[in-house]
Amino acid sequence: MGPGNGERDAGVADDAIVAGRIILGLKTLCDHLGCSLREALDAYVARYEQLRRERPADFAKSHEEYWANFHS
């Protein structure tokens, strides 16, 4: 990862989280953090919860709808 890519990757992950693109968000976090899928899922959920608190209007779906078709 080159200089400045960390912020870009974090932005891509946030965009994916807000858009409900869970798989893309997980892949981005795995790459960005250099971690396992399980660790990326933990990071994803934590970031999702933070973004949901800070930017609720950015989420088009309710919490239940967001996670309805995702099983880990």
PDB file of N, CA and C in Angstrom:
ATOM      1  N   MET A   1       0.849  -1.161   0.000  1.00  0.00           N
ATOM      2  CA  MET A   1       0.000   0.000   0.000  1.00  0.00           C
ATOM      3  C   MET A   1       0.901   1.233   0.000  1.00  0.00           C
ATOM      4  N   GLY A   2       0.701   2.115  -0.943  1.00  0.00           N
ATOM      5  CA  GLY A   2       1.524   3.307  -1.063  1.00  0.00           C
ATOM      6  C   GLY A   2       1.060   4.412  -0.145  1.00  0.00           C
ATOM      7  N   PRO A   3       1.829   5.527  -0.110  1.00  0.00           N
ATOM      8  CA  PRO A   3       1.452   6.649   0.724  1.00  0.00           C
ATOM      9  C   PRO A   3       0.073   7.177   0.351  1.00  0.00           C
ATOM     10  N   GLY A   4      -0.720   7.461   1.359  1.00  0.00           N
ATOM     11  CA  GLY A   4      -2.045   8.021   1.123  1.00  0.00           C
ATOM     12  C   GLY A   4      -3.119   7.000   0.802  1.00  0.00           C
ATOM     13  N   ASN A   5      -2.728   5.773   0.506  1.00  0.00           N
ATOM     14  CA  ASN A   5      -3.724   4.757   0.159  1.00  0.00           C
ATOM     15  C   ASN A   5      -4.595   4.376   1.349  1.00  0.00           C
ATOM     16  N   GLY A   6      -4.072   4.483   2.556  1.00  0.00           N
ATOM     17  CA  GLY A   6      -4.833   4.116   3.746  1.00  0.00           C
ATOM     18  C   GLY A   6      -6.101   4.924   3.871  1.00  0.00           C
ATOM     19  N   GLU A   7      -5.999   6.226   3.691  1.00  0.00           N
ATOM     20  CA  GLU A   7      -7.184   7.080   3.767  1.00  0.00           C
ATOM     21  C   GLU A   7      -8.157   6.762   2.638  1.00  0.00           C
ATOM     22  N   ARG A   8      -7.630   6.540   1.434  1.00  0.00           N
ATOM     23  CA  ARG A   8      -8.495   6.207   0.302  1.00  0.00           C
ATOM     24  C   ARG A   8      -9.205   4.887   0.556  1.00  0.00           C
ATOM     25  N   ASP A   9      -8.477   3.887   1.037  1.00  0.00           N
ATOM     26  CA  ASP A   9      -9.078   2.586   1.325  1.00  0.00           C
ATOM     27  C   ASP A   9     -10.151   2.704   2.408  1.00  0.00           C
ATOM     28  N   ALA A  10      -9.877   3.503   3.432  1.00  0.00           N
ATOM     29  CA  ALA A  10     -10.868   3.706   4.485  1.00  0.00           C
ATOM     30  C   ALA A  10     -12.115   4.372   3.916  1.00  0.00           C
ATOM     31  N   GLY A  11     -11.938   5.319   3.006  1.00  0.00           N
ATOM     32  CA  GLY A  11     -13.074   5.976   2.361  1.00  0.00           C
ATOM     33  C   GLY A  11     -13.863   5.016   1.504  1.00  0.00           C
ATOM     34  N   VAL A  12     -13.163   4.134   0.795  1.00  0.00           N
ATOM     35  CA  VAL A  12     -13.831   3.122  -0.028  1.00  0.00           C
ATOM     36  C   VAL A  12     -14.631   2.182   0.878  1.00  0.00           C
ATOM     37  N   ALA A  13     -14.050   1.797   1.999  1.00  0.00           N
ATOM     38  CA  ALA A  13     -14.757   0.923   2.940  1.00  0.00           C
ATOM     39  C   ALA A  13     -15.996   1.626   3.480  1.00  0.00           C
ATOM     40  N   ASP A  14     -15.867   2.896   3.867  1.00  0.00           N
ATOM     41  CA  ASP A  14     -17.027   3.642   4.371  1.00  0.00           C
ATOM     42  C   ASP A  14     -18.112   3.739   3.306  1.00  0.00           C
ATOM     43  N   ASP A  15     -17.717   4.024   2.077  1.00  0.00           N
ATOM     44  CA  ASP A  15     -18.694   4.115   0.982  1.00  0.00           C
ATOM     45  C   ASP A  15     -19.427   2.786   0.804  1.00  0.00           C
ATOM     46  N   ALA A  16     -18.681   1.677   0.870  1.00  0.00           N
ATOM     47  CA  ALA A  16     -19.285   0.354   0.715  1.00  0.00           C
ATOM     48  C   ALA A  16     -20.230   0.061   1.881  1.00  0.00           C
ATOM     49  N   ILE A  17     -19.829   0.429   3.076  1.00  0.00           N
ATOM     50  CA  ILE A  17     -20.666   0.190   4.252  1.00  0.00           C
ATOM     51  C   ILE A  17     -21.975   0.957   4.130  1.00  0.00           C
ATOM     52  N   VAL A  18     -21.894   2.232   3.821  1.00  0.00           N
ATOM     53  CA  VAL A  18     -23.101   3.054   3.692  1.00  0.00           C
ATOM     54  C   VAL A  18     -24.008   2.524   2.583  1.00  0.00           C
ATOM     55  N   ALA A  19     -23.412   2.060   1.483  1.00  0.00           N
ATOM     56  CA  ALA A  19     -24.185   1.550   0.349  1.00  0.00           C
ATOM     57  C   ALA A  19     -24.729   0.144   0.585  1.00  0.00           C
ATOM     58  N   GLY A  20     -24.308  -0.511   1.667  1.00  0.00           N
ATOM     59  CA  GLY A  20     -24.772  -1.871   1.938  1.00  0.00           C
ATOM     60  C   GLY A  20     -24.051  -2.917   1.112  1.00  0.00           C
ATOM     61  N   ARG A  21     -22.879  -2.568   0.598  1.00  0.00           N
ATOM     62  CA  ARG A  21     -22.087  -3.512  -0.208  1.00  0.00           C
ATOM     63  C   ARG A  21     -21.119  -4.244   0.727  1.00  0.00           C
ATOM     64  N   ILE A  22     -21.675  -5.170   1.472  1.00  0.00           N
ATOM     65  CA  ILE A  22     -20.964  -5.820   2.570  1.00  0.00           C
ATOM     66  C   ILE A  22     -19.721  -6.556   2.090  1.00  0.00           C
ATOM     67  N   ILE A  23     -19.826  -7.332   1.029  1.00  0.00           N
ATOM     68  CA  ILE A  23     -18.677  -8.112   0.543  1.00  0.00           C
ATOM     69  C   ILE A  23     -17.542  -7.192   0.110  1.00  0.00           C
ATOM     70  N   LEU A  24     -17.849  -6.135  -0.645  1.00  0.00           N
ATOM     71  CA  LEU A  24     -16.815  -5.178  -1.048  1.00  0.00           C
ATOM     72  C   LEU A  24     -16.190  -4.522   0.175  1.00  0.00           C
ATOM     73  N   GLY A  25     -17.004  -4.158   1.140  1.00  0.00           N
ATOM     74  CA  GLY A  25     -16.472  -3.554   2.365  1.00  0.00           C
ATOM     75  C   GLY A  25     -15.550  -4.497   3.114  1.00  0.00           C
ATOM     76  N   LEU A  26     -15.936  -5.766   3.201  1.00  0.00           N
ATOM     77  CA  LEU A  26     -15.088  -6.757   3.873  1.00  0.00           C
ATOM     78  C   LEU A  26     -13.764  -6.950   3.144  1.00  0.00           C
ATOM     79  N   LYS A  27     -13.820  -7.042   1.829  1.00  0.00           N
ATOM     80  CA  LYS A  27     -12.584  -7.211   1.046  1.00  0.00           C
ATOM     81  C   LYS A  27     -11.678  -6.001   1.220  1.00  0.00           C
ATOM     82  N   THR A  28     -12.260  -4.826   1.165  1.00  0.00           N
ATOM     83  CA  THR A  28     -11.473  -3.609   1.329  1.00  0.00           C
ATOM     84  C   THR A  28     -10.811  -3.581   2.700  1.00  0.00           C
ATOM     85  N   LEU A  29     -11.552  -3.938   3.734  1.00  0.00           N
ATOM     86  CA  LEU A  29     -10.972  -3.952   5.079  1.00  0.00           C
ATOM     87  C   LEU A  29      -9.903  -5.022   5.224  1.00  0.00           C
ATOM     88  N   CYS A  30     -10.123  -6.198   4.640  1.00  0.00           N
ATOM     89  CA  CYS A  30      -9.081  -7.245   4.676  1.00  0.00           C
ATOM     90  C   CYS A  30      -7.791  -6.721   4.064  1.00  0.00           C
ATOM     91  N   ASP A  31      -7.920  -6.099   2.904  1.00  0.00           N
ATOM     92  CA  ASP A  31      -6.740  -5.569   2.211  1.00  0.00           C
ATOM     93  C   ASP A  31      -6.105  -4.431   2.994  1.00  0.00           C
ATOM     94  N   HIS A  32      -6.930  -3.512   3.479  1.00  0.00           N
ATOM     95  CA  HIS A  32      -6.453  -2.315   4.181  1.00  0.00           C
ATOM     96  C   HIS A  32      -5.784  -2.667   5.509  1.00  0.00           C
ATOM     97  N   LEU A  33      -6.407  -3.577   6.246  1.00  0.00           N
ATOM     98  CA  LEU A  33      -5.903  -3.920   7.571  1.00  0.00           C
ATOM     99  C   LEU A  33      -4.940  -5.102   7.553  1.00  0.00           C
ATOM    100  N   GLY A  34      -4.913  -5.845   6.435  1.00  0.00           N
ATOM    101  CA  GLY A  34      -4.061  -7.029   6.365  1.00  0.00           C
ATOM    102  C   GLY A  34      -4.495  -8.077   7.378  1.00  0.00           C
ATOM    103  N   CYS A  35      -5.798  -8.301   7.455  1.00  0.00           N
ATOM    104  CA  CYS A  35      -6.323  -9.188   8.489  1.00  0.00           C
ATOM    105  C   CYS A  35      -7.157 -10.313   7.872  1.00  0.00           C
ATOM    106  N   SER A  36      -7.619 -11.183   8.745  1.00  0.00           N
ATOM    107  CA  SER A  36      -8.474 -12.298   8.316  1.00  0.00           C
ATOM    108  C   SER A  36      -9.876 -11.779   8.030  1.00  0.00           C
ATOM    109  N   LEU A  37     -10.669 -12.620   7.396  1.00  0.00           N
ATOM    110  CA  LEU A  37     -12.054 -12.279   7.112  1.00  0.00           C
ATOM    111  C   LEU A  37     -12.828 -12.057   8.415  1.00  0.00           C
ATOM    112  N   ARG A  38     -12.597 -12.888   9.405  1.00  0.00           N
ATOM    113  CA  ARG A  38     -13.281 -12.744  10.709  1.00  0.00           C
ATOM    114  C   ARG A  38     -12.945 -11.395  11.348  1.00  0.00           C
ATOM    115  N   GLU A  39     -11.662 -11.027  11.307  1.00  0.00           N
ATOM    116  CA  GLU A  39     -11.251  -9.733  11.869  1.00  0.00           C
ATOM    117  C   GLU A  39     -11.847  -8.583  11.067  1.00  0.00           C
ATOM    118  N   ALA A  40     -11.908  -8.736   9.749  1.00  0.00           N
ATOM    119  CA  ALA A  40     -12.501  -7.701   8.901  1.00  0.00           C
ATOM    120  C   ALA A  40     -13.987  -7.557   9.212  1.00  0.00           C
ATOM    121  N   LEU A  41     -14.673  -8.672   9.465  1.00  0.00           N
ATOM    122  CA  LEU A  41     -16.086  -8.602   9.813  1.00  0.00           C
ATOM    123  C   LEU A  41     -16.278  -7.842  11.124  1.00  0.00           C
ATOM    124  N   ASP A  42     -15.439  -8.109  12.096  1.00  0.00           N
ATOM    125  CA  ASP A  42     -15.518  -7.377  13.367  1.00  0.00           C
ATOM    126  C   ASP A  42     -15.300  -5.881  13.147  1.00  0.00           C
ATOM    127  N   ALA A  43     -14.306  -5.542  12.329  1.00  0.00           N
ATOM    128  CA  ALA A  43     -14.020  -4.136  12.025  1.00  0.00           C
ATOM    129  C   ALA A  43     -15.179  -3.512  11.252  1.00  0.00           C
ATOM    130  N   TYR A  44     -15.748  -4.270  10.322  1.00  0.00           N
ATOM    131  CA  TYR A  44     -16.873  -3.785   9.517  1.00  0.00           C
ATOM    132  C   TYR A  44     -18.056  -3.440  10.411  1.00  0.00           C
ATOM    133  N   VAL A  45     -18.409  -4.351  11.292  1.00  0.00           N
ATOM    134  CA  VAL A  45     -19.560  -4.141  12.175  1.00  0.00           C
ATOM    135  C   VAL A  45     -19.321  -2.931  13.080  1.00  0.00           C
ATOM    136  N   ALA A  46     -18.120  -2.805  13.611  1.00  0.00           N
ATOM    137  CA  ALA A  46     -17.809  -1.652  14.461  1.00  0.00           C
ATOM    138  C   ALA A  46     -17.922  -0.350  13.679  1.00  0.00           C
ATOM    139  N   ARG A  47     -17.393  -0.336  12.465  1.00  0.00           N
ATOM    140  CA  ARG A  47     -17.456   0.874  11.643  1.00  0.00           C
ATOM    141  C   ARG A  47     -18.889   1.151  11.204  1.00  0.00           C
ATOM    142  N   TYR A  48     -19.636   0.113  10.855  1.00  0.00           N
ATOM    143  CA  TYR A  48     -21.049   0.253  10.502  1.00  0.00           C
ATOM    144  C   TYR A  48     -21.800   0.939  11.643  1.00  0.00           C
ATOM    145  N   GLU A  49     -21.606   0.460  12.858  1.00  0.00           N
ATOM    146  CA  GLU A  49     -22.303   1.031  14.013  1.00  0.00           C
ATOM    147  C   GLU A  49     -21.924   2.491  14.226  1.00  0.00           C
ATOM    148  N   GLN A  50     -20.644   2.806  14.041  1.00  0.00           N
ATOM    149  CA  GLN A  50     -20.193   4.194  14.188  1.00  0.00           C
ATOM    150  C   GLN A  50     -20.810   5.079  13.106  1.00  0.00           C
ATOM    151  N   LEU A  51     -20.762   4.630  11.860  1.00  0.00           N
ATOM    152  CA  LEU A  51     -21.333   5.418  10.769  1.00  0.00           C
ATOM    153  C   LEU A  51     -22.842   5.568  10.938  1.00  0.00           C
ATOM    154  N   ARG A  52     -23.501   4.533  11.398  1.00  0.00           N
ATOM    155  CA  ARG A  52     -24.951   4.571  11.605  1.00  0.00           C
ATOM    156  C   ARG A  52     -25.293   5.647  12.650  1.00  0.00           C
ATOM    157  N   ARG A  53     -24.462   5.767  13.684  1.00  0.00           N
ATOM    158  CA  ARG A  53     -24.681   6.797  14.708  1.00  0.00           C
ATOM    159  C   ARG A  53     -24.383   8.192  14.167  1.00  0.00           C
ATOM    160  N   GLU A  54     -23.253   8.321  13.454  1.00  0.00           N
ATOM    161  CA  GLU A  54     -22.790   9.630  13.001  1.00  0.00           C
ATOM    162  C   GLU A  54     -23.519  10.144  11.766  1.00  0.00           C
ATOM    163  N   ARG A  55     -23.955   9.243  10.890  1.00  0.00           N
ATOM    164  CA  ARG A  55     -24.543   9.641   9.603  1.00  0.00           C
ATOM    165  C   ARG A  55     -25.817   8.856   9.307  1.00  0.00           C
ATOM    166  N   PRO A  56     -26.794   8.872  10.197  1.00  0.00           N
ATOM    167  CA  PRO A  56     -27.982   8.035  10.008  1.00  0.00           C
ATOM    168  C   PRO A  56     -28.728   8.324   8.708  1.00  0.00           C
ATOM    169  N   ALA A  57     -28.720   9.547   8.250  1.00  0.00           N
ATOM    170  CA  ALA A  57     -29.453   9.906   7.025  1.00  0.00           C
ATOM    171  C   ALA A  57     -28.819   9.295   5.774  1.00  0.00           C
ATOM    172  N   ASP A  58     -27.565   8.866   5.868  1.00  0.00           N
ATOM    173  CA  ASP A  58     -26.883   8.278   4.711  1.00  0.00           C
ATOM    174  C   ASP A  58     -27.311   6.836   4.439  1.00  0.00           C
ATOM    175  N   PHE A  59     -27.992   6.217   5.391  1.00  0.00           N
ATOM    176  CA  PHE A  59     -28.399   4.822   5.248  1.00  0.00           C
ATOM    177  C   PHE A  59     -29.832   4.759   4.739  1.00  0.00           C
ATOM    178  N   ALA A  60     -30.016   4.121   3.590  1.00  0.00           N
ATOM    179  CA  ALA A  60     -31.341   4.027   2.962  1.00  0.00           C
ATOM    180  C   ALA A  60     -32.191   2.923   3.594  1.00  0.00           C
ATOM    181  N   LYS A  61     -31.551   1.940   4.217  1.00  0.00           N
ATOM    182  CA  LYS A  61     -32.262   0.799   4.790  1.00  0.00           C
ATOM    183  C   LYS A  61     -32.203   0.840   6.310  1.00  0.00           C
ATOM    184  N   SER A  62     -33.213   0.243   6.929  1.00  0.00           N
ATOM    185  CA  SER A  62     -33.186   0.084   8.388  1.00  0.00           C
ATOM    186  C   SER A  62     -32.088  -0.923   8.748  1.00  0.00           C
ATOM    187  N   HIS A  63     -31.760  -0.990  10.013  1.00  0.00           N
ATOM    188  CA  HIS A  63     -30.750  -1.948  10.474  1.00  0.00           C
ATOM    189  C   HIS A  63     -31.143  -3.380  10.091  1.00  0.00           C
ATOM    190  N   GLU A  64     -32.400  -3.719  10.293  1.00  0.00           N
ATOM    191  CA  GLU A  64     -32.878  -5.073   9.991  1.00  0.00           C
ATOM    192  C   GLU A  64     -32.786  -5.381   8.497  1.00  0.00           C
ATOM    193  N   GLU A  65     -33.180  -4.424   7.665  1.00  0.00           N
ATOM    194  CA  GLU A  65     -33.107  -4.616   6.212  1.00  0.00           C
ATOM    195  C   GLU A  65     -31.656  -4.729   5.746  1.00  0.00           C
ATOM    196  N   TYR A  66     -30.783  -3.942   6.343  1.00  0.00           N
ATOM    197  CA  TYR A  66     -29.371  -3.919   5.961  1.00  0.00           C
ATOM    198  C   TYR A  66     -28.756  -5.314   6.082  1.00  0.00           C
ATOM    199  N   TRP A  67     -29.018  -5.983   7.191  1.00  0.00           N
ATOM    200  CA  TRP A  67     -28.386  -7.271   7.476  1.00  0.00           C
ATOM    201  C   TRP A  67     -29.251  -8.474   7.093  1.00  0.00           C
ATOM    202  N   ALA A  68     -30.431  -8.264   6.509  1.00  0.00           N
ATOM    203  CA  ALA A  68     -31.397  -9.331   6.256  1.00  0.00           C
ATOM    204  C   ALA A  68     -30.842 -10.508   5.456  1.00  0.00           C
ATOM    205  N   ASN A  69     -30.042 -10.271   4.453  1.00  0.00           N
ATOM    206  CA  ASN A  69     -29.562 -11.369   3.591  1.00  0.00           C
ATOM    207  C   ASN A  69     -28.100 -11.715   3.805  1.00  0.00           C
ATOM    208  N   PHE A  70     -27.543 -11.279   4.924  1.00  0.00           N
ATOM    209  CA  PHE A  70     -26.145 -11.567   5.222  1.00  0.00           C
ATOM    210  C   PHE A  70     -26.074 -12.514   6.396  1.00  0.00           C
ATOM    211  N   HIS A  71     -25.361 -13.618   6.203  1.00  0.00           N
ATOM    212  CA  HIS A  71     -25.178 -14.612   7.258  1.00  0.00           C
ATOM    213  C   HIS A  71     -23.703 -14.919   7.384  1.00  0.00           C
ATOM    214  N   SER A  72     -23.183 -14.839   8.588  1.00  0.00           N
ATOM    215  CA  SER A  72     -21.744 -15.104   8.767  1.00  0.00           C
ATOM    216  C   SER A  72     -21.527 -16.383   9.552  1.00  0.00           C
TER     217      SER A  72
END
